[in-house]
Amino acid sequence: MKCPIDDALLVVTERSGVEIDYCPQCRGVWLDRGELDKIIDRTSDSRAPEYPAPPSRDSHHGRGDSSRGRDDSRDVRGGKRRREGFLGELFDF
């Protein structure tokens, strides 16, 4: 099959049970009928766990300046990067 954008030959690959046609030149991705539904089903199954809400800024245990000693550039989970989900693994080519 040829790419509708640049007429290059599409490469077919299977990732996690989903067949993907992609163009090695323009990096366009095409899915056959039903493949998008498979991706949606798999992403809903692998949702990230819910995390509790962070404590409010008002509850800083009695310190006068609540911004002291705090790094707001880090996230609630200690700055760790979130694990890539199913889509990250699926389109890694």
PDB file of N, CA and C in Angstrom:
ATOM      1  N   MET A   1       0.835  -1.163   0.000  1.00  0.00           N
ATOM      2  CA  MET A   1       0.000   0.000   0.000  1.00  0.00           C
ATOM      3  C   MET A   1       0.892   1.243   0.000  1.00  0.00           C
ATOM      4  N   LYS A   2       0.451   2.299  -0.661  1.00  0.00           N
ATOM      5  CA  LYS A   2       1.241   3.523  -0.761  1.00  0.00           C
ATOM      6  C   LYS A   2       0.691   4.616   0.153  1.00  0.00           C
ATOM      7  N   CYS A   3       1.586   5.459   0.600  1.00  0.00           N
ATOM      8  CA  CYS A   3       1.234   6.587   1.457  1.00  0.00           C
ATOM      9  C   CYS A   3       0.422   7.601   0.645  1.00  0.00           C
ATOM     10  N   PRO A   4      -0.713   8.044   1.148  1.00  0.00           N
ATOM     11  CA  PRO A   4      -1.507   9.028   0.422  1.00  0.00           C
ATOM     12  C   PRO A   4      -0.873  10.417   0.412  1.00  0.00           C
ATOM     13  N   ILE A   5       0.117  10.650   1.238  1.00  0.00           N
ATOM     14  CA  ILE A   5       0.781  11.955   1.298  1.00  0.00           C
ATOM     15  C   ILE A   5       1.908  12.056   0.275  1.00  0.00           C
ATOM     16  N   ASP A   6       2.826  11.074   0.290  1.00  0.00           N
ATOM     17  CA  ASP A   6       4.011  11.186  -0.572  1.00  0.00           C
ATOM     18  C   ASP A   6       4.260   9.961  -1.457  1.00  0.00           C
ATOM     19  N   ASP A   7       3.308   9.064  -1.565  1.00  0.00           N
ATOM     20  CA  ASP A   7       3.382   7.867  -2.412  1.00  0.00           C
ATOM     21  C   ASP A   7       4.512   6.904  -2.076  1.00  0.00           C
ATOM     22  N   ALA A   8       5.064   7.009  -0.876  1.00  0.00           N
ATOM     23  CA  ALA A   8       6.081   6.053  -0.431  1.00  0.00           C
ATOM     24  C   ALA A   8       5.381   4.759  -0.031  1.00  0.00           C
ATOM     25  N   LEU A   9       6.101   3.660  -0.073  1.00  0.00           N
ATOM     26  CA  LEU A   9       5.559   2.373   0.320  1.00  0.00           C
ATOM     27  C   LEU A   9       5.402   2.328   1.838  1.00  0.00           C
ATOM     28  N   LEU A  10       4.192   2.030   2.325  1.00  0.00           N
ATOM     29  CA  LEU A  10       3.927   1.963   3.762  1.00  0.00           C
ATOM     30  C   LEU A  10       4.539   0.705   4.363  1.00  0.00           C
ATOM     31  N   VAL A  11       4.992   0.817   5.584  1.00  0.00           N
ATOM     32  CA  VAL A  11       5.548  -0.300   6.333  1.00  0.00           C
ATOM     33  C   VAL A  11       4.474  -0.762   7.319  1.00  0.00           C
ATOM     34  N   VAL A  12       4.244  -2.060   7.384  1.00  0.00           N
ATOM     35  CA  VAL A  12       3.248  -2.630   8.290  1.00  0.00           C
ATOM     36  C   VAL A  12       3.981  -3.228   9.478  1.00  0.00           C
ATOM     37  N   THR A  13       3.536  -2.862  10.681  1.00  0.00           N
ATOM     38  CA  THR A  13       4.112  -3.415  11.894  1.00  0.00           C
ATOM     39  C   THR A  13       2.990  -3.731  12.868  1.00  0.00           C
ATOM     40  N   GLU A  14       3.235  -4.662  13.767  1.00  0.00           N
ATOM     41  CA  GLU A  14       2.246  -5.007  14.777  1.00  0.00           C
ATOM     42  C   GLU A  14       2.805  -4.655  16.142  1.00  0.00           C
ATOM     43  N   ARG A  15       2.058  -3.870  16.871  1.00  0.00           N
ATOM     44  CA  ARG A  15       2.457  -3.469  18.224  1.00  0.00           C
ATOM     45  C   ARG A  15       1.326  -3.786  19.178  1.00  0.00           C
ATOM     46  N   SER A  16       1.590  -4.628  20.137  1.00  0.00           N
ATOM     47  CA  SER A  16       0.610  -4.992  21.164  1.00  0.00           C
ATOM     48  C   SER A  16      -0.702  -5.470  20.565  1.00  0.00           C
ATOM     49  N   GLY A  17      -0.625  -6.232  19.496  1.00  0.00           N
ATOM     50  CA  GLY A  17      -1.812  -6.791  18.878  1.00  0.00           C
ATOM     51  C   GLY A  17      -2.549  -5.844  17.941  1.00  0.00           C
ATOM     52  N   VAL A  18      -1.970  -4.667  17.661  1.00  0.00           N
ATOM     53  CA  VAL A  18      -2.596  -3.686  16.777  1.00  0.00           C
ATOM     54  C   VAL A  18      -1.713  -3.541  15.541  1.00  0.00           C
ATOM     55  N   GLU A  19      -2.298  -3.733  14.366  1.00  0.00           N
ATOM     56  CA  GLU A  19      -1.555  -3.602  13.113  1.00  0.00           C
ATOM     57  C   GLU A  19      -1.548  -2.130  12.689  1.00  0.00           C
ATOM     58  N   ILE A  20      -0.353  -1.610  12.475  1.00  0.00           N
ATOM     59  CA  ILE A  20      -0.174  -0.197  12.133  1.00  0.00           C
ATOM     60  C   ILE A  20       0.532  -0.099  10.796  1.00  0.00           C
ATOM     61  N   ASP A  21       0.018   0.727   9.907  1.00  0.00           N
ATOM     62  CA  ASP A  21       0.689   1.054   8.650  1.00  0.00           C
ATOM     63  C   ASP A  21       1.295   2.446   8.826  1.00  0.00           C
ATOM     64  N   TYR A  22       2.603   2.578   8.591  1.00  0.00           N
ATOM     65  CA  TYR A  22       3.205   3.901   8.723  1.00  0.00           C
ATOM     66  C   TYR A  22       4.153   4.175   7.578  1.00  0.00           C
ATOM     67  N   CYS A  23       4.333   5.456   7.311  1.00  0.00           N
ATOM     68  CA  CYS A  23       5.212   5.898   6.235  1.00  0.00           C
ATOM     69  C   CYS A  23       6.575   6.232   6.820  1.00  0.00           C
ATOM     70  N   PRO A  24       7.637   5.609   6.334  1.00  0.00           N
ATOM     71  CA  PRO A  24       8.968   5.902   6.868  1.00  0.00           C
ATOM     72  C   PRO A  24       9.475   7.291   6.460  1.00  0.00           C
ATOM     73  N   GLN A  25       8.861   7.910   5.453  1.00  0.00           N
ATOM     74  CA  GLN A  25       9.317   9.236   5.023  1.00  0.00           C
ATOM     75  C   GLN A  25       8.627  10.365   5.787  1.00  0.00           C
ATOM     76  N   CYS A  26       7.288  10.397   5.749  1.00  0.00           N
ATOM     77  CA  CYS A  26       6.564  11.489   6.405  1.00  0.00           C
ATOM     78  C   CYS A  26       6.142  11.136   7.828  1.00  0.00           C
ATOM     79  N   ARG A  27       6.334   9.881   8.234  1.00  0.00           N
ATOM     80  CA  ARG A  27       5.994   9.372   9.560  1.00  0.00           C
ATOM     81  C   ARG A  27       4.486   9.371   9.825  1.00  0.00           C
ATOM     82  N   GLY A  28       3.680   9.404   8.764  1.00  0.00           N
ATOM     83  CA  GLY A  28       2.231   9.307   8.900  1.00  0.00           C
ATOM     84  C   GLY A  28       1.833   7.910   9.337  1.00  0.00           C
ATOM     85  N   VAL A  29       0.749   7.818  10.106  1.00  0.00           N
ATOM     86  CA  VAL A  29       0.286   6.550  10.643  1.00  0.00           C
ATOM     87  C   VAL A  29      -1.151   6.319  10.180  1.00  0.00           C
ATOM     88  N   TRP A  30      -1.417   5.127   9.676  1.00  0.00           N
ATOM     89  CA  TRP A  30      -2.751   4.747   9.226  1.00  0.00           C
ATOM     90  C   TRP A  30      -3.154   3.447   9.890  1.00  0.00           C
ATOM     91  N   LEU A  31      -4.430   3.384  10.275  1.00  0.00           N
ATOM     92  CA  LEU A  31      -4.959   2.211  10.952  1.00  0.00           C
ATOM     93  C   LEU A  31      -6.062   1.591  10.117  1.00  0.00           C
ATOM     94  N   ASP A  32      -6.155   0.272  10.147  1.00  0.00           N
ATOM     95  CA  ASP A  32      -7.236  -0.430   9.480  1.00  0.00           C
ATOM     96  C   ASP A  32      -8.504  -0.318  10.324  1.00  0.00           C
ATOM     97  N   ARG A  33      -9.619  -0.689   9.747  1.00  0.00           N
ATOM     98  CA  ARG A  33     -10.901  -0.635  10.453  1.00  0.00           C
ATOM     99  C   ARG A  33     -10.829  -1.470  11.727  1.00  0.00           C
ATOM    100  N   GLY A  34     -11.265  -0.898  12.809  1.00  0.00           N
ATOM    101  CA  GLY A  34     -11.293  -1.599  14.090  1.00  0.00           C
ATOM    102  C   GLY A  34     -10.030  -1.444  14.916  1.00  0.00           C
ATOM    103  N   GLU A  35      -8.933  -1.010  14.306  1.00  0.00           N
ATOM    104  CA  GLU A  35      -7.677  -0.896  15.047  1.00  0.00           C
ATOM    105  C   GLU A  35      -7.719   0.258  16.058  1.00  0.00           C
ATOM    106  N   LEU A  36      -8.370   1.364  15.703  1.00  0.00           N
ATOM    107  CA  LEU A  36      -8.503   2.473  16.641  1.00  0.00           C
ATOM    108  C   LEU A  36      -9.309   2.042  17.861  1.00  0.00           C
ATOM    109  N   ASP A  37     -10.337   1.247  17.651  1.00  0.00           N
ATOM    110  CA  ASP A  37     -11.124   0.734  18.781  1.00  0.00           C
ATOM    111  C   ASP A  37     -10.266  -0.122  19.705  1.00  0.00           C
ATOM    112  N   LYS A  38      -9.368  -0.933  19.136  1.00  0.00           N
ATOM    113  CA  LYS A  38      -8.460  -1.743  19.963  1.00  0.00           C
ATOM    114  C   LYS A  38      -7.557  -0.847  20.802  1.00  0.00           C
ATOM    115  N   ILE A  39      -7.042   0.225  20.195  1.00  0.00           N
ATOM    116  CA  ILE A  39      -6.164   1.147  20.927  1.00  0.00           C
ATOM    117  C   ILE A  39      -6.928   1.805  22.064  1.00  0.00           C
ATOM    118  N   ILE A  40      -8.142   2.256  21.802  1.00  0.00           N
ATOM    119  CA  ILE A  40      -8.949   2.905  22.831  1.00  0.00           C
ATOM    120  C   ILE A  40      -9.253   1.942  23.969  1.00  0.00           C
ATOM    121  N   ASP A  41      -9.595   0.698  23.640  1.00  0.00           N
ATOM    122  CA  ASP A  41      -9.872  -0.303  24.677  1.00  0.00           C
ATOM    123  C   ASP A  41      -8.639  -0.551  25.541  1.00  0.00           C
ATOM    124  N   ARG A  42      -7.489  -0.649  24.922  1.00  0.00           N
ATOM    125  CA  ARG A  42      -6.261  -0.931  25.673  1.00  0.00           C
ATOM    126  C   ARG A  42      -5.835   0.261  26.524  1.00  0.00           C
ATOM    127  N   THR A  43      -6.019   1.474  26.040  1.00  0.00           N
ATOM    128  CA  THR A  43      -5.635   2.637  26.840  1.00  0.00           C
ATOM    129  C   THR A  43      -6.557   2.816  28.031  1.00  0.00           C
ATOM    130  N   SER A  44      -7.822   2.481  27.889  1.00  0.00           N
ATOM    131  CA  SER A  44      -8.730   2.597  29.029  1.00  0.00           C
ATOM    132  C   SER A  44      -8.420   1.532  30.073  1.00  0.00           C
ATOM    133  N   ASP A  45      -7.875   0.393  29.667  1.00  0.00           N
ATOM    134  CA  ASP A  45      -7.493  -0.661  30.601  1.00  0.00           C
ATOM    135  C   ASP A  45      -6.232  -0.312  31.376  1.00  0.00           C
ATOM    136  N   SER A  46      -5.353   0.512  30.797  1.00  0.00           N
ATOM    137  CA  SER A  46      -4.059   0.796  31.420  1.00  0.00           C
ATOM    138  C   SER A  46      -3.981   2.214  31.958  1.00  0.00           C
ATOM    139  N   ARG A  47      -5.082   2.721  32.491  1.00  0.00           N
ATOM    140  CA  ARG A  47      -5.080   4.070  33.058  1.00  0.00           C
ATOM    141  C   ARG A  47      -4.155   4.132  34.256  1.00  0.00           C
ATOM    142  N   ALA A  48      -3.587   5.309  34.459  1.00  0.00           N
ATOM    143  CA  ALA A  48      -2.712   5.523  35.609  1.00  0.00           C
ATOM    144  C   ALA A  48      -3.542   5.500  36.892  1.00  0.00           C
ATOM    145  N   PRO A  49      -2.960   5.024  37.975  1.00  0.00           N
ATOM    146  CA  PRO A  49      -3.709   4.996  39.234  1.00  0.00           C
ATOM    147  C   PRO A  49      -3.992   6.422  39.720  1.00  0.00           C
ATOM    148  N   GLU A  50      -5.087   6.571  40.435  1.00  0.00           N
ATOM    149  CA  GLU A  50      -5.441   7.872  40.998  1.00  0.00           C
ATOM    150  C   GLU A  50      -4.539   8.154  42.197  1.00  0.00           C
ATOM    151  N   TYR A  51      -4.063   9.392  42.302  1.00  0.00           N
ATOM    152  CA  TYR A  51      -3.241   9.810  43.424  1.00  0.00           C
ATOM    153  C   TYR A  51      -4.066  10.721  44.315  1.00  0.00           C
ATOM    154  N   PRO A  52      -3.824  10.686  45.627  1.00  0.00           N
ATOM    155  CA  PRO A  52      -4.570  11.580  46.513  1.00  0.00           C
ATOM    156  C   PRO A  52      -4.197  13.034  46.233  1.00  0.00           C
ATOM    157  N   ALA A  53      -5.099  13.932  46.559  1.00  0.00           N
ATOM    158  CA  ALA A  53      -4.851  15.355  46.345  1.00  0.00           C
ATOM    159  C   ALA A  53      -3.710  15.815  47.246  1.00  0.00           C
ATOM    160  N   PRO A  54      -2.867  16.724  46.766  1.00  0.00           N
ATOM    161  CA  PRO A  54      -1.760  17.222  47.594  1.00  0.00           C
ATOM    162  C   PRO A  54      -2.321  18.046  48.749  1.00  0.00           C
ATOM    163  N   PRO A  55      -1.575  18.120  49.859  1.00  0.00           N
ATOM    164  CA  PRO A  55      -2.047  18.931  50.989  1.00  0.00           C
ATOM    165  C   PRO A  55      -2.107  20.404  50.588  1.00  0.00           C
ATOM    166  N   SER A  56      -3.039  21.128  51.201  1.00  0.00           N
ATOM    167  CA  SER A  56      -3.168  22.551  50.860  1.00  0.00           C
ATOM    168  C   SER A  56      -1.958  23.314  51.376  1.00  0.00           C
ATOM    169  N   ARG A  57      -1.708  24.466  50.809  1.00  0.00           N
ATOM    170  CA  ARG A  57      -0.558  25.286  51.216  1.00  0.00           C
ATOM    171  C   ARG A  57      -0.761  25.881  52.597  1.00  0.00           C
ATOM    172  N   ASP A  58      -1.995  25.950  53.061  1.00  0.00           N
ATOM    173  CA  ASP A  58      -2.272  26.529  54.372  1.00  0.00           C
ATOM    174  C   ASP A  58      -1.803  25.630  55.508  1.00  0.00           C
ATOM    175  N   SER A  59      -1.701  24.336  55.261  1.00  0.00           N
ATOM    176  CA  SER A  59      -1.319  23.403  56.321  1.00  0.00           C
ATOM    177  C   SER A  59       0.180  23.117  56.265  1.00  0.00           C
ATOM    178  N   HIS A  60       0.974  24.144  56.601  1.00  0.00           N
ATOM    179  CA  HIS A  60       2.435  23.996  56.529  1.00  0.00           C
ATOM    180  C   HIS A  60       3.043  23.864  57.919  1.00  0.00           C
ATOM    181  N   HIS A  61       2.291  23.346  58.854  1.00  0.00           N
ATOM    182  CA  HIS A  61       2.745  23.024  60.203  1.00  0.00           C
ATOM    183  C   HIS A  61       3.298  24.241  60.945  1.00  0.00           C
ATOM    184  N   GLY A  62       2.638  25.366  60.841  1.00  0.00           N
ATOM    185  CA  GLY A  62       2.955  26.500  61.684  1.00  0.00           C
ATOM    186  C   GLY A  62       4.135  27.354  61.275  1.00  0.00           C
ATOM    187  N   ARG A  63       4.747  27.147  60.141  1.00  0.00           N
ATOM    188  CA  ARG A  63       5.863  27.985  59.715  1.00  0.00           C
ATOM    189  C   ARG A  63       5.333  29.327  59.246  1.00  0.00           C
ATOM    190  N   GLY A  64       6.103  30.360  59.461  1.00  0.00           N
ATOM    191  CA  GLY A  64       5.678  31.698  59.072  1.00  0.00           C
ATOM    192  C   GLY A  64       5.644  31.881  57.566  1.00  0.00           C
ATOM    193  N   ASP A  65       6.658  31.409  56.867  1.00  0.00           N
ATOM    194  CA  ASP A  65       6.727  31.579  55.418  1.00  0.00           C
ATOM    195  C   ASP A  65       6.568  30.216  54.774  1.00  0.00           C
ATOM    196  N   SER A  66       5.413  29.973  54.188  1.00  0.00           N
ATOM    197  CA  SER A  66       5.134  28.640  53.660  1.00  0.00           C
ATOM    198  C   SER A  66       5.912  28.327  52.396  1.00  0.00           C
ATOM    199  N   SER A  67       6.533  29.313  51.760  1.00  0.00           N
ATOM    200  CA  SER A  67       7.272  29.047  50.529  1.00  0.00           C
ATOM    201  C   SER A  67       8.723  28.681  50.790  1.00  0.00           C
ATOM    202  N   ARG A  68       9.197  28.871  52.021  1.00  0.00           N
ATOM    203  CA  ARG A  68      10.589  28.581  52.329  1.00  0.00           C
ATOM    204  C   ARG A  68      10.863  27.076  52.333  1.00  0.00           C
ATOM    205  N   GLY A  69      11.943  26.662  51.704  1.00  0.00           N
ATOM    206  CA  GLY A  69      12.339  25.257  51.707  1.00  0.00           C
ATOM    207  C   GLY A  69      11.483  24.381  50.816  1.00  0.00           C
ATOM    208  N   ARG A  70      10.800  24.990  49.891  1.00  0.00           N
ATOM    209  CA  ARG A  70       9.893  24.235  49.048  1.00  0.00           C
ATOM    210  C   ARG A  70      10.240  24.454  47.593  1.00  0.00           C
ATOM    211  N   ASP A  71      10.243  23.390  46.831  1.00  0.00           N
ATOM    212  CA  ASP A  71      10.555  23.475  45.413  1.00  0.00           C
ATOM    213  C   ASP A  71       9.290  23.209  44.622  1.00  0.00           C
ATOM    214  N   ASP A  72       8.643  24.272  44.134  1.00  0.00           N
ATOM    215  CA  ASP A  72       7.378  24.109  43.417  1.00  0.00           C
ATOM    216  C   ASP A  72       7.565  23.557  42.016  1.00  0.00           C
ATOM    217  N   SER A  73       8.797  23.445  41.537  1.00  0.00           N
ATOM    218  CA  SER A  73       9.012  22.903  40.197  1.00  0.00           C
ATOM    219  C   SER A  73       8.908  21.381  40.178  1.00  0.00           C
ATOM    220  N   ARG A  74       8.920  20.768  41.333  1.00  0.00           N
ATOM    221  CA  ARG A  74       8.794  19.309  41.406  1.00  0.00           C
ATOM    222  C   ARG A  74       7.340  18.948  41.603  1.00  0.00           C
ATOM    223  N   ASP A  75       6.958  17.787  41.113  1.00  0.00           N
ATOM    224  CA  ASP A  75       5.549  17.409  41.259  1.00  0.00           C
ATOM    225  C   ASP A  75       5.312  16.691  42.586  1.00  0.00           C
ATOM    226  N   VAL A  76       4.077  16.339  42.845  1.00  0.00           N
ATOM    227  CA  VAL A  76       3.662  15.763  44.112  1.00  0.00           C
ATOM    228  C   VAL A  76       4.369  14.440  44.389  1.00  0.00           C
ATOM    229  N   ARG A  77       4.702  13.702  43.352  1.00  0.00           N
ATOM    230  CA  ARG A  77       5.299  12.372  43.520  1.00  0.00           C
ATOM    231  C   ARG A  77       6.810  12.424  43.619  1.00  0.00           C
ATOM    232  N   GLY A  78       7.373  13.573  43.972  1.00  0.00           N
ATOM    233  CA  GLY A  78       8.815  13.656  44.152  1.00  0.00           C
ATOM    234  C   GLY A  78       9.578  13.899  42.867  1.00  0.00           C
ATOM    235  N   GLY A  79       8.928  14.373  41.828  1.00  0.00           N
ATOM    236  CA  GLY A  79       9.607  14.732  40.601  1.00  0.00           C
ATOM    237  C   GLY A  79       9.878  13.579  39.660  1.00  0.00           C
ATOM    238  N   LYS A  80       9.392  12.414  39.979  1.00  0.00           N
ATOM    239  CA  LYS A  80       9.617  11.272  39.099  1.00  0.00           C
ATOM    240  C   LYS A  80       8.770  11.398  37.846  1.00  0.00           C
ATOM    241  N   ARG A  81       9.320  11.020  36.747  1.00  0.00           N
ATOM    242  CA  ARG A  81       8.597  11.075  35.488  1.00  0.00           C
ATOM    243  C   ARG A  81       7.568   9.953  35.417  1.00  0.00           C
ATOM    244  N   ARG A  82       6.399  10.283  34.913  1.00  0.00           N
ATOM    245  CA  ARG A  82       5.333   9.290  34.801  1.00  0.00           C
ATOM    246  C   ARG A  82       5.691   8.236  33.769  1.00  0.00           C
ATOM    247  N   ARG A  83       5.393   6.998  34.063  1.00  0.00           N
ATOM    248  CA  ARG A  83       5.675   5.895  33.156  1.00  0.00           C
ATOM    249  C   ARG A  83       4.864   6.048  31.875  1.00  0.00           C
ATOM    250  N   GLU A  84       5.499   5.809  30.749  1.00  0.00           N
ATOM    251  CA  GLU A  84       4.784   5.899  29.485  1.00  0.00           C
ATOM    252  C   GLU A  84       3.710   4.834  29.430  1.00  0.00           C
ATOM    253  N   GLY A  85       2.591   5.190  28.865  1.00  0.00           N
ATOM    254  CA  GLY A  85       1.475   4.266  28.779  1.00  0.00           C
ATOM    255  C   GLY A  85       1.522   3.443  27.512  1.00  0.00           C
ATOM    256  N   PHE A  86       0.408   2.864  27.206  1.00  0.00           N
ATOM    257  CA  PHE A  86       0.282   1.979  26.056  1.00  0.00           C
ATOM    258  C   PHE A  86       0.585   2.708  24.751  1.00  0.00           C
ATOM    259  N   LEU A  87       0.151   3.951  24.610  1.00  0.00           N
ATOM    260  CA  LEU A  87       0.369   4.679  23.362  1.00  0.00           C
ATOM    261  C   LEU A  87       1.849   4.969  23.132  1.00  0.00           C
ATOM    262  N   GLY A  88       2.606   5.226  24.196  1.00  0.00           N
ATOM    263  CA  GLY A  88       4.037   5.454  24.047  1.00  0.00           C
ATOM    264  C   GLY A  88       4.755   4.234  23.502  1.00  0.00           C
ATOM    265  N   GLU A  89       4.345   3.072  23.954  1.00  0.00           N
ATOM    266  CA  GLU A  89       4.938   1.833  23.457  1.00  0.00           C
ATOM    267  C   GLU A  89       4.461   1.519  22.041  1.00  0.00           C
ATOM    268  N   LEU A  90       3.231   1.880  21.756  1.00  0.00           N
ATOM    269  CA  LEU A  90       2.625   1.546  20.481  1.00  0.00           C
ATOM    270  C   LEU A  90       3.272   2.299  19.325  1.00  0.00           C
ATOM    271  N   PHE A  91       3.546   3.576  19.506  1.00  0.00           N
ATOM    272  CA  PHE A  91       4.051   4.401  18.415  1.00  0.00           C
ATOM    273  C   PHE A  91       5.547   4.665  18.511  1.00  0.00           C
ATOM    274  N   ASP A  92       6.297   3.831  19.155  1.00  0.00           N
ATOM    275  CA  ASP A  92       7.741   4.001  19.285  1.00  0.00           C
ATOM    276  C   ASP A  92       8.447   3.279  18.146  1.00  0.00           C
ATOM    277  N   PHE A  93       8.535   3.919  16.978  1.00  0.00           N
ATOM    278  CA  PHE A  93       9.266   3.343  15.852  1.00  0.00           C
ATOM    279  C   PHE A  93       9.993   4.407  15.104  1.00  0.00           C
TER     280      PHE A  93
END
